[in-house]
Amino acid sequence: MSVRSCRIKKDDKVRIVAGKEKGKIGKVLKVLHERQRVLVENVNFVKRHARPGGKTPRGGIIEKEAPIHVSNAMLMCDKCINAIRVKMQRLEDGRKVRMCGKCGEIIDK
């Protein structure tokens, strides 16, 4: 999968389809194109040990979201209420938009 073929963007609603978090739904917080990963809200929590400092004045064990591979997340369609495959479509005005592969609903605003 190339860096350009990632069809998931920030603020999209995705469903996790593989791994220990399978079945969870969340909002994409960040897309890491170079590493082909996405950071999803409330999914894939990891524990990290932190020393006292600027961001963590007390230090200790903190929990935060870790990125997951983009192939483990599928975009959700608002109309179908399902995880869907994304089709690319060129509109009459020349814009390229993402469409639901099932119902044809345009995902991009």
N, C-alpha and C. Protein backbone atom coordinates (compact mmCIF):
# COMPACT_ATOMS: atom_id res chain seq x y z
N MET A 1 0.85 -1.17 0.00
CA MET A 1 0.00 0.00 0.00
C MET A 1 0.89 1.23 0.00
N SER A 2 0.66 2.12 -0.92
CA SER A 2 1.49 3.32 -1.00
C SER A 2 0.98 4.38 -0.04
N VAL A 3 1.78 5.40 0.15
CA VAL A 3 1.42 6.48 1.06
C VAL A 3 0.21 7.23 0.54
N ARG A 4 0.04 7.35 -0.76
CA ARG A 4 -1.05 8.13 -1.35
C ARG A 4 -2.40 7.43 -1.28
N SER A 5 -2.44 6.11 -1.11
CA SER A 5 -3.71 5.39 -1.22
C SER A 5 -4.50 5.34 0.09
N CYS A 6 -4.09 6.05 1.12
CA CYS A 6 -4.83 6.08 2.38
C CYS A 6 -6.09 6.93 2.19
N ARG A 7 -7.24 6.33 2.34
CA ARG A 7 -8.50 7.04 2.10
C ARG A 7 -9.20 7.42 3.39
N ILE A 8 -8.48 7.36 4.49
CA ILE A 8 -9.01 7.78 5.78
C ILE A 8 -8.39 9.12 6.14
N LYS A 9 -9.22 10.05 6.59
CA LYS A 9 -8.75 11.39 6.93
C LYS A 9 -9.08 11.71 8.38
N LYS A 10 -8.51 12.80 8.88
CA LYS A 10 -8.76 13.25 10.24
C LYS A 10 -10.25 13.55 10.41
N ASP A 11 -10.77 13.26 11.59
CA ASP A 11 -12.17 13.45 11.99
C ASP A 11 -13.15 12.49 11.33
N ASP A 12 -12.68 11.46 10.60
CA ASP A 12 -13.55 10.42 10.07
C ASP A 12 -13.94 9.47 11.19
N LYS A 13 -15.11 8.84 11.05
CA LYS A 13 -15.53 7.81 11.99
C LYS A 13 -15.14 6.47 11.41
N VAL A 14 -14.38 5.66 12.17
CA VAL A 14 -13.90 4.37 11.68
C VAL A 14 -14.26 3.25 12.64
N ARG A 15 -14.33 2.04 12.09
CA ARG A 15 -14.53 0.83 12.89
C ARG A 15 -13.25 0.00 12.78
N ILE A 16 -12.81 -0.54 13.90
CA ILE A 16 -11.62 -1.37 13.91
C ILE A 16 -12.04 -2.79 13.52
N VAL A 17 -11.37 -3.35 12.51
CA VAL A 17 -11.79 -4.65 11.96
C VAL A 17 -10.84 -5.79 12.29
N ALA A 18 -9.71 -5.50 12.94
CA ALA A 18 -8.77 -6.57 13.27
C ALA A 18 -7.99 -6.18 14.52
N GLY A 19 -7.47 -7.19 15.21
CA GLY A 19 -6.65 -6.95 16.39
C GLY A 19 -7.43 -7.03 17.67
N LYS A 20 -6.77 -6.65 18.77
CA LYS A 20 -7.40 -6.77 20.09
C LYS A 20 -8.53 -5.78 20.30
N GLU A 21 -8.61 -4.74 19.49
CA GLU A 21 -9.65 -3.71 19.62
C GLU A 21 -10.77 -3.91 18.60
N LYS A 22 -10.87 -5.08 17.99
CA LYS A 22 -11.83 -5.35 16.93
C LYS A 22 -13.26 -5.03 17.36
N GLY A 23 -13.99 -4.30 16.49
CA GLY A 23 -15.38 -3.96 16.76
C GLY A 23 -15.58 -2.59 17.35
N LYS A 24 -14.53 -1.95 17.85
CA LYS A 24 -14.68 -0.63 18.44
C LYS A 24 -14.82 0.43 17.37
N ILE A 25 -15.53 1.50 17.70
CA ILE A 25 -15.74 2.62 16.79
C ILE A 25 -15.16 3.86 17.43
N GLY A 26 -14.47 4.68 16.63
CA GLY A 26 -13.89 5.90 17.16
C GLY A 26 -13.62 6.91 16.06
N LYS A 27 -13.24 8.11 16.49
CA LYS A 27 -12.93 9.20 15.57
C LYS A 27 -11.43 9.25 15.35
N VAL A 28 -11.00 9.49 14.11
CA VAL A 28 -9.58 9.57 13.79
C VAL A 28 -9.04 10.90 14.29
N LEU A 29 -8.03 10.84 15.16
CA LEU A 29 -7.41 12.05 15.69
C LEU A 29 -6.26 12.54 14.83
N LYS A 30 -5.54 11.59 14.22
CA LYS A 30 -4.35 11.93 13.45
C LYS A 30 -4.07 10.83 12.44
N VAL A 31 -3.58 11.21 11.25
CA VAL A 31 -3.19 10.24 10.23
C VAL A 31 -1.69 10.38 10.02
N LEU A 32 -0.96 9.28 10.19
CA LEU A 32 0.49 9.27 10.00
C LEU A 32 0.77 8.60 8.65
N HIS A 33 0.82 9.41 7.58
CA HIS A 33 0.94 8.88 6.22
C HIS A 33 2.22 8.09 6.01
N GLU A 34 3.35 8.59 6.53
CA GLU A 34 4.64 7.95 6.29
C GLU A 34 4.67 6.54 6.87
N ARG A 35 4.05 6.36 8.03
CA ARG A 35 4.06 5.06 8.70
C ARG A 35 2.82 4.23 8.40
N GLN A 36 1.87 4.76 7.61
CA GLN A 36 0.61 4.11 7.25
C GLN A 36 -0.19 3.72 8.49
N ARG A 37 -0.31 4.65 9.41
CA ARG A 37 -1.02 4.39 10.67
C ARG A 37 -2.00 5.52 10.97
N VAL A 38 -3.00 5.21 11.79
CA VAL A 38 -3.96 6.21 12.23
C VAL A 38 -4.08 6.15 13.74
N LEU A 39 -4.32 7.30 14.34
CA LEU A 39 -4.53 7.41 15.77
C LEU A 39 -6.03 7.60 15.99
N VAL A 40 -6.66 6.63 16.65
CA VAL A 40 -8.11 6.63 16.82
C VAL A 40 -8.45 6.89 18.29
N GLU A 41 -9.45 7.73 18.50
CA GLU A 41 -9.87 8.12 19.84
C GLU A 41 -10.39 6.91 20.63
N ASN A 42 -9.89 6.72 21.85
CA ASN A 42 -10.30 5.66 22.78
C ASN A 42 -10.07 4.25 22.25
N VAL A 43 -9.03 4.07 21.42
CA VAL A 43 -8.70 2.75 20.88
C VAL A 43 -7.20 2.52 21.04
N ASN A 44 -6.81 1.31 21.38
CA ASN A 44 -5.41 0.89 21.48
C ASN A 44 -4.64 1.68 22.54
N PHE A 45 -5.11 1.63 23.77
CA PHE A 45 -4.41 2.29 24.87
C PHE A 45 -3.16 1.51 25.25
N VAL A 46 -2.08 2.23 25.50
CA VAL A 46 -0.83 1.64 25.97
C VAL A 46 -0.40 2.39 27.23
N LYS A 47 0.37 1.71 28.07
CA LYS A 47 0.88 2.33 29.28
C LYS A 47 2.33 2.72 29.07
N ARG A 48 2.68 3.93 29.46
CA ARG A 48 4.04 4.43 29.32
C ARG A 48 4.49 4.97 30.67
N HIS A 49 5.75 4.72 30.99
CA HIS A 49 6.34 5.23 32.22
C HIS A 49 6.92 6.60 31.93
N ALA A 50 6.57 7.57 32.75
CA ALA A 50 7.03 8.95 32.51
C ALA A 50 7.74 9.48 33.75
N ARG A 51 8.85 10.16 33.52
CA ARG A 51 9.55 10.81 34.61
C ARG A 51 8.90 12.16 34.89
N PRO A 52 9.04 12.66 36.09
CA PRO A 52 8.50 13.99 36.37
C PRO A 52 9.16 15.02 35.46
N GLY A 53 8.34 15.90 34.89
CA GLY A 53 8.87 16.91 33.99
C GLY A 53 7.80 17.91 33.61
N GLY A 54 7.94 18.52 32.45
CA GLY A 54 7.03 19.56 32.01
C GLY A 54 5.60 19.08 31.79
N LYS A 55 5.42 18.03 30.98
CA LYS A 55 4.08 17.54 30.66
C LYS A 55 3.49 16.70 31.78
N THR A 56 4.35 15.99 32.51
CA THR A 56 3.88 15.13 33.60
C THR A 56 4.60 15.56 34.89
N PRO A 57 4.01 16.50 35.62
CA PRO A 57 4.68 17.01 36.82
C PRO A 57 4.92 15.95 37.90
N ARG A 58 4.01 14.98 37.99
CA ARG A 58 4.17 13.94 39.01
C ARG A 58 4.89 12.72 38.50
N GLY A 59 4.89 12.51 37.17
CA GLY A 59 5.50 11.30 36.64
C GLY A 59 4.59 10.10 36.85
N GLY A 60 5.12 8.90 36.73
CA GLY A 60 4.35 7.69 36.95
C GLY A 60 3.95 7.03 35.65
N ILE A 61 2.93 6.18 35.74
CA ILE A 61 2.46 5.43 34.58
C ILE A 61 1.28 6.18 33.97
N ILE A 62 1.40 6.52 32.69
CA ILE A 62 0.31 7.22 32.00
C ILE A 62 -0.21 6.32 30.88
N GLU A 63 -1.51 6.45 30.59
CA GLU A 63 -2.13 5.71 29.50
C GLU A 63 -2.43 6.67 28.37
N LYS A 64 -2.11 6.25 27.13
CA LYS A 64 -2.42 7.08 25.98
C LYS A 64 -2.71 6.18 24.79
N GLU A 65 -3.35 6.78 23.74
CA GLU A 65 -3.66 6.03 22.54
C GLU A 65 -2.40 5.83 21.70
N ALA A 66 -2.26 4.66 21.13
CA ALA A 66 -1.17 4.38 20.22
C ALA A 66 -1.75 4.20 18.82
N PRO A 67 -0.97 4.52 17.78
CA PRO A 67 -1.50 4.38 16.42
C PRO A 67 -1.66 2.91 16.02
N ILE A 68 -2.64 2.65 15.15
CA ILE A 68 -2.84 1.32 14.60
C ILE A 68 -2.68 1.40 13.08
N HIS A 69 -2.43 0.27 12.45
CA HIS A 69 -2.23 0.26 11.00
C HIS A 69 -3.54 0.61 10.30
N VAL A 70 -3.41 1.35 9.20
CA VAL A 70 -4.58 1.85 8.48
C VAL A 70 -5.42 0.70 7.92
N SER A 71 -4.84 -0.46 7.66
CA SER A 71 -5.60 -1.58 7.12
C SER A 71 -6.52 -2.20 8.17
N ASN A 72 -6.31 -1.89 9.43
CA ASN A 72 -7.16 -2.43 10.50
C ASN A 72 -8.34 -1.52 10.82
N ALA A 73 -8.48 -0.41 10.10
CA ALA A 73 -9.59 0.52 10.32
C ALA A 73 -10.36 0.70 9.02
N MET A 74 -11.70 0.65 9.12
CA MET A 74 -12.55 0.87 7.94
C MET A 74 -13.45 2.06 8.20
N LEU A 75 -13.63 2.85 7.18
CA LEU A 75 -14.45 4.05 7.26
C LEU A 75 -15.91 3.66 7.46
N MET A 76 -16.64 4.47 8.24
CA MET A 76 -18.05 4.24 8.50
C MET A 76 -18.89 5.20 7.65
N CYS A 77 -19.96 4.68 7.09
CA CYS A 77 -20.91 5.51 6.32
C CYS A 77 -22.03 5.93 7.26
N ASP A 78 -22.39 7.21 7.23
CA ASP A 78 -23.45 7.72 8.10
C ASP A 78 -24.83 7.20 7.66
N LYS A 79 -25.01 7.00 6.36
CA LYS A 79 -26.30 6.56 5.85
C LYS A 79 -26.50 5.06 6.04
N CYS A 80 -25.47 4.25 5.69
CA CYS A 80 -25.56 2.78 5.81
C CYS A 80 -25.40 2.31 7.25
N ILE A 81 -24.69 3.09 8.07
CA ILE A 81 -24.34 2.72 9.44
C ILE A 81 -23.52 1.43 9.44
N ASN A 82 -22.62 1.28 8.48
CA ASN A 82 -21.75 0.12 8.38
C ASN A 82 -20.34 0.57 8.07
N ALA A 83 -19.38 -0.33 8.29
CA ALA A 83 -18.03 -0.10 7.80
C ALA A 83 -18.06 -0.39 6.31
N ILE A 84 -17.48 0.50 5.51
CA ILE A 84 -17.63 0.41 4.06
C ILE A 84 -16.29 0.49 3.35
N ARG A 85 -16.29 0.07 2.09
CA ARG A 85 -15.17 0.32 1.21
C ARG A 85 -15.40 1.67 0.55
N VAL A 86 -14.31 2.35 0.28
CA VAL A 86 -14.41 3.70 -0.25
C VAL A 86 -14.13 3.70 -1.75
N LYS A 87 -14.98 4.39 -2.50
CA LYS A 87 -14.76 4.59 -3.93
C LYS A 87 -14.42 6.06 -4.16
N MET A 88 -13.58 6.32 -5.14
CA MET A 88 -13.25 7.69 -5.50
C MET A 88 -14.07 8.05 -6.73
N GLN A 89 -14.65 9.26 -6.73
CA GLN A 89 -15.49 9.71 -7.83
C GLN A 89 -15.13 11.15 -8.17
N ARG A 90 -15.09 11.47 -9.45
CA ARG A 90 -14.84 12.84 -9.88
C ARG A 90 -16.18 13.47 -10.21
N LEU A 91 -16.48 14.62 -9.58
CA LEU A 91 -17.74 15.31 -9.81
C LEU A 91 -17.67 16.16 -11.07
N GLU A 92 -18.82 16.75 -11.44
CA GLU A 92 -18.90 17.57 -12.64
C GLU A 92 -18.00 18.81 -12.55
N ASP A 93 -17.85 19.33 -11.33
CA ASP A 93 -17.02 20.54 -11.17
C ASP A 93 -15.52 20.22 -11.08
N GLY A 94 -15.15 18.94 -11.22
CA GLY A 94 -13.75 18.56 -11.26
C GLY A 94 -13.18 18.07 -9.94
N ARG A 95 -13.94 18.17 -8.85
CA ARG A 95 -13.44 17.71 -7.54
C ARG A 95 -13.46 16.20 -7.46
N LYS A 96 -12.47 15.62 -6.75
CA LYS A 96 -12.46 14.19 -6.45
C LYS A 96 -13.01 14.02 -5.05
N VAL A 97 -14.01 13.18 -4.89
CA VAL A 97 -14.62 12.96 -3.58
C VAL A 97 -14.64 11.48 -3.26
N ARG A 98 -14.74 11.18 -1.97
CA ARG A 98 -14.88 9.79 -1.51
C ARG A 98 -16.36 9.45 -1.45
N MET A 99 -16.70 8.24 -1.90
CA MET A 99 -18.09 7.79 -1.89
C MET A 99 -18.20 6.44 -1.18
N CYS A 100 -19.36 6.19 -0.64
CA CYS A 100 -19.65 4.88 -0.05
C CYS A 100 -19.77 3.88 -1.18
N GLY A 101 -19.08 2.75 -1.06
CA GLY A 101 -19.13 1.73 -2.08
C GLY A 101 -20.44 0.98 -2.10
N LYS A 102 -21.23 1.11 -1.03
CA LYS A 102 -22.48 0.36 -0.93
C LYS A 102 -23.69 1.18 -1.39
N CYS A 103 -23.83 2.38 -0.83
CA CYS A 103 -25.03 3.17 -1.13
C CYS A 103 -24.78 4.36 -2.06
N GLY A 104 -23.52 4.71 -2.29
CA GLY A 104 -23.22 5.82 -3.18
C GLY A 104 -23.24 7.19 -2.52
N GLU A 105 -23.42 7.25 -1.23
CA GLU A 105 -23.44 8.52 -0.48
C GLU A 105 -22.05 9.17 -0.54
N ILE A 106 -22.01 10.49 -0.78
CA ILE A 106 -20.74 11.21 -0.80
C ILE A 106 -20.31 11.46 0.64
N ILE A 107 -19.08 11.05 0.97
CA ILE A 107 -18.56 11.17 2.33
C ILE A 107 -17.97 12.54 2.56
N ASP A 108 -17.22 13.08 1.57
CA ASP A 108 -16.61 14.40 1.70
C ASP A 108 -17.67 15.48 1.61
N LYS A 109 -17.51 16.51 2.42
CA LYS A 109 -18.47 17.61 2.42
C LYS A 109 -18.12 18.61 1.36
